[in-house]
Amino acid sequence: MASAKTAGRTSTLGSLIPTARRRAITDGLFGGDRKWLLLGGMAWALRAYQYATTKDEKVVYSTTLQPGETLVLARQAPKNKGRKRS
């Protein structure tokens, strides 16, 4: 039962942070409300911290090269998502 309460708080907190960032711009920056500007600044700082500490590294291929072998790295074109426009 305790885990259900924790999950509820996490989703509520997760939905409040984007709201604080949005209101920081609309009410704080453009509206002149110092309270929203400070709360939004903290929300933006938290998002920047999360972005800076997230590791998106993913091992795609791993092998041991023998003497004389080479490994060629190439970037593939991104997959076309969505419908084709004609």
Protein backbone atom coordinates (compact mmCIF):
# COMPACT_ATOMS: atom_id res chain seq x y z
CA MET A 1 0.00 0.00 0.00
CA ALA A 2 2.89 2.36 0.71
CA SER A 3 4.23 1.90 -2.81
CA ALA A 4 0.89 3.02 -4.29
CA LYS A 5 1.07 6.28 -2.32
CA THR A 6 4.65 6.84 -3.40
CA ALA A 7 3.74 6.27 -7.05
CA GLY A 8 0.88 8.77 -6.74
CA ARG A 9 3.17 11.43 -5.27
CA THR A 10 5.76 10.88 -7.96
CA SER A 11 3.27 11.32 -10.79
CA THR A 12 1.80 14.40 -9.11
CA LEU A 13 5.25 15.93 -8.61
CA GLY A 14 6.16 15.00 -12.17
CA SER A 15 3.15 16.90 -13.48
CA LEU A 16 3.79 19.96 -11.28
CA ILE A 17 7.31 20.65 -12.53
CA PRO A 18 6.35 21.29 -16.18
CA THR A 19 3.48 23.45 -14.94
CA ALA A 20 5.90 25.48 -12.81
CA ARG A 21 8.25 25.92 -15.78
CA ARG A 22 5.40 27.08 -18.00
CA ARG A 23 3.98 29.48 -15.42
CA ALA A 24 7.48 30.80 -14.74
CA ILE A 25 7.54 32.12 -18.27
CA THR A 26 3.94 33.29 -18.55
CA ASP A 27 3.28 34.65 -15.05
CA GLY A 28 6.82 35.28 -13.84
CA LEU A 29 8.76 36.55 -16.82
CA PHE A 30 5.96 38.17 -18.82
CA GLY A 31 3.56 38.85 -15.93
CA GLY A 32 6.07 40.23 -13.45
CA ASP A 33 5.14 37.85 -10.60
CA ARG A 34 8.36 37.34 -8.63
CA LYS A 35 7.06 34.24 -6.82
CA TRP A 36 6.49 32.36 -10.11
CA LEU A 37 9.78 33.59 -11.47
CA LEU A 38 11.66 32.10 -8.50
CA LEU A 39 9.67 28.83 -8.49
CA GLY A 40 10.15 28.50 -12.23
CA GLY A 41 13.85 29.21 -11.94
CA MET A 42 14.15 26.34 -9.47
CA ALA A 43 12.10 24.06 -11.76
CA TRP A 44 14.30 24.96 -14.75
CA ALA A 45 17.43 24.37 -12.66
CA LEU A 46 16.11 20.94 -11.62
CA ARG A 47 15.43 20.06 -15.27
CA ALA A 48 18.93 21.19 -16.27
CA TYR A 49 20.42 19.06 -13.49
CA GLN A 50 18.39 16.02 -14.60
CA TYR A 51 19.50 16.54 -18.21
CA ALA A 52 23.16 16.91 -17.23
CA THR A 53 23.21 13.77 -15.07
CA THR A 54 21.27 11.47 -17.43
CA LYS A 55 23.37 8.89 -19.23
CA ASP A 56 22.00 7.95 -22.64
CA GLU A 57 24.90 5.74 -23.63
CA LYS A 58 23.99 2.43 -25.23
CA VAL A 59 26.37 -0.33 -26.33
CA VAL A 60 25.40 -1.42 -29.82
CA TYR A 61 28.32 -3.65 -30.75
CA SER A 62 31.32 -5.04 -28.92
CA THR A 63 34.21 -7.14 -30.22
CA THR A 64 37.93 -7.72 -29.82
CA LEU A 65 40.07 -6.70 -32.79
CA GLN A 66 42.99 -8.83 -33.83
CA PRO A 67 46.21 -7.25 -35.14
CA GLY A 68 45.64 -6.02 -38.70
CA GLU A 69 41.83 -5.81 -38.40
CA THR A 70 40.04 -2.49 -38.73
CA LEU A 71 36.74 -1.18 -37.50
CA VAL A 72 34.82 1.31 -39.62
CA LEU A 73 32.28 3.58 -37.90
CA ALA A 74 29.58 5.13 -40.05
CA ARG A 75 26.40 7.01 -39.30
CA GLN A 76 23.19 5.80 -40.91
CA ALA A 77 20.54 8.20 -42.17
CA PRO A 78 17.64 8.55 -39.73
CA LYS A 79 14.56 6.46 -40.43
CA ASN A 80 11.70 8.29 -42.07
CA LYS A 81 8.88 8.50 -39.53
CA GLY A 82 5.32 9.25 -40.41
CA ARG A 83 3.61 9.47 -43.77
CA LYS A 84 5.32 10.42 -46.99
CA ARG A 85 4.29 13.74 -48.43
CA SER A 86 3.74 13.91 -52.14
